[in-house]
Amino acid sequence: MSEIPEPATAEELMRSRFEAFKRADAAWLERTWHPSTRPETLDLSDNPRWRGLQIVDRVAGGVGDTDGVVEFRATYIENGELGVLHERSRFVREDGRWFYLDGELHDAGH
């Protein structure tokens, strides 16, 4: 069981999910993924080595909100090469808990 505190905002959830990807903590990722979009299985065996997270933009997602958007850039190393994942993620809050809903990938060069 994860010892991660329940995130109060969409950005806190985004940051906790990034840390979970770094640790390959599939249980936390599944728990915080909205049931309507969560994959049946989550295989992190070929997970790259995640390095850093930069929050680019936030829309809503605060303590009193029911939804929010967090845009981020996450850097990783895979096969000795540095890569960047740039995503605009949507989050929803239900029964006081934030969930990752889905995300739109962006070309890292933009």
Protein backbone atom coordinates (compact mmCIF):
# COMPACT_ATOMS: atom_id res chain seq x y z
CA MET A 1 0.00 0.00 0.00
CA SER A 2 1.27 3.45 -0.92
CA GLU A 3 2.23 5.92 1.79
CA ILE A 4 1.51 8.88 -0.49
CA PRO A 5 -0.87 11.43 1.07
CA GLU A 6 -4.13 12.14 -0.78
CA PRO A 7 -3.44 15.06 -3.17
CA ALA A 8 -5.49 18.22 -2.50
CA THR A 9 -5.13 19.67 -6.02
CA ALA A 10 -4.80 18.42 -9.59
CA GLU A 11 -1.18 19.61 -9.68
CA GLU A 12 -0.36 17.69 -6.49
CA LEU A 13 -1.84 14.58 -8.09
CA MET A 14 0.19 15.20 -11.25
CA ARG A 15 3.39 15.48 -9.21
CA SER A 16 2.56 12.33 -7.20
CA ARG A 17 1.88 10.40 -10.41
CA PHE A 18 5.22 11.53 -11.86
CA GLU A 19 6.97 10.24 -8.73
CA ALA A 20 4.99 6.98 -9.05
CA PHE A 21 6.18 6.58 -12.65
CA LYS A 22 9.76 7.16 -11.42
CA ARG A 23 9.32 4.37 -8.84
CA ALA A 24 7.25 2.15 -11.19
CA ASP A 25 4.46 2.22 -8.57
CA ALA A 26 1.65 0.77 -10.69
CA ALA A 27 -0.67 0.50 -7.67
CA TRP A 28 -0.68 4.28 -7.08
CA LEU A 29 -1.06 5.00 -10.80
CA GLU A 30 -4.04 2.65 -11.06
CA ARG A 31 -5.62 4.04 -7.86
CA THR A 32 -5.39 7.62 -9.16
CA TRP A 33 -6.51 6.86 -12.74
CA HIS A 34 -10.21 7.48 -13.33
CA PRO A 35 -12.06 4.16 -13.77
CA SER A 36 -13.63 5.34 -17.05
CA THR A 37 -10.22 5.70 -18.75
CA ARG A 38 -7.93 3.43 -16.70
CA PRO A 39 -6.28 0.66 -18.72
CA GLU A 40 -7.05 -2.92 -17.73
CA THR A 41 -3.39 -3.56 -17.01
CA LEU A 42 -0.44 -1.26 -16.54
CA ASP A 43 2.92 -2.70 -17.54
CA LEU A 44 5.83 -0.54 -16.40
CA SER A 45 8.54 -3.08 -17.21
CA ASP A 46 9.89 -0.95 -20.09
CA ASN A 47 9.43 2.32 -18.20
CA PRO A 48 12.13 4.88 -19.11
CA ARG A 49 14.26 6.48 -16.39
CA TRP A 50 12.21 9.55 -15.49
CA ARG A 51 14.34 12.54 -14.54
CA GLY A 52 12.47 15.83 -14.08
CA LEU A 53 9.07 17.45 -14.16
CA GLN A 54 8.22 21.00 -15.24
CA ILE A 55 4.69 22.34 -14.82
CA VAL A 56 3.94 24.54 -17.85
CA ASP A 57 0.33 25.58 -17.18
CA ARG A 58 -2.59 25.01 -14.80
CA VAL A 59 -6.28 25.66 -15.33
CA ALA A 60 -8.50 25.27 -12.26
CA GLY A 61 -7.75 22.05 -10.34
CA GLY A 62 -7.70 23.77 -6.97
CA VAL A 63 -9.04 22.66 -3.61
CA GLY A 64 -12.59 23.82 -4.40
CA ASP A 65 -12.70 22.71 -8.05
CA THR A 66 -14.21 19.57 -9.58
CA ASP A 67 -11.93 19.48 -12.63
CA GLY A 68 -8.64 20.84 -13.77
CA VAL A 69 -5.92 20.77 -16.40
CA VAL A 70 -2.19 20.49 -15.78
CA GLU A 71 0.22 20.87 -18.66
CA PHE A 72 3.69 19.51 -18.03
CA ARG A 73 6.97 18.47 -19.57
CA ALA A 74 8.66 15.39 -18.13
CA THR A 75 12.20 14.48 -19.07
CA TYR A 76 13.45 10.92 -19.24
CA ILE A 77 16.38 8.84 -20.42
CA GLU A 78 15.77 5.87 -22.66
CA ASN A 79 18.44 3.92 -24.54
CA GLY A 80 20.98 6.53 -23.45
CA GLU A 81 19.00 9.36 -25.07
CA LEU A 82 17.25 12.27 -23.34
CA GLY A 83 13.55 12.56 -24.18
CA VAL A 84 10.70 14.87 -23.26
CA LEU A 85 7.06 13.95 -22.76
CA HIS A 86 4.84 17.04 -23.13
CA GLU A 87 1.23 16.47 -22.12
CA ARG A 88 -1.83 18.50 -21.24
CA SER A 89 -3.61 16.31 -18.68
CA ARG A 90 -7.22 16.49 -17.54
CA PHE A 91 -8.19 15.70 -13.95
CA VAL A 92 -11.53 15.32 -12.19
CA ARG A 93 -12.40 15.31 -8.50
CA GLU A 94 -15.06 12.90 -7.28
CA ASP A 95 -16.02 12.27 -3.67
CA GLY A 96 -13.16 14.52 -2.57
CA ARG A 97 -10.47 12.60 -4.52
CA TRP A 98 -8.60 13.74 -7.62
CA PHE A 99 -8.23 11.36 -10.57
CA TYR A 100 -6.22 11.52 -13.78
CA LEU A 101 -8.74 11.38 -16.62
CA ASP A 102 -6.71 11.61 -19.83
CA GLY A 103 -4.14 13.69 -21.62
CA GLU A 104 -3.29 15.22 -24.95
CA LEU A 105 0.31 14.73 -26.05
CA HIS A 106 2.17 17.65 -27.62
CA ASP A 107 5.25 17.70 -29.75
CA ALA A 108 8.06 18.31 -27.24
CA GLY A 109 9.64 20.78 -29.63
CA HIS A 110 6.80 23.29 -29.17
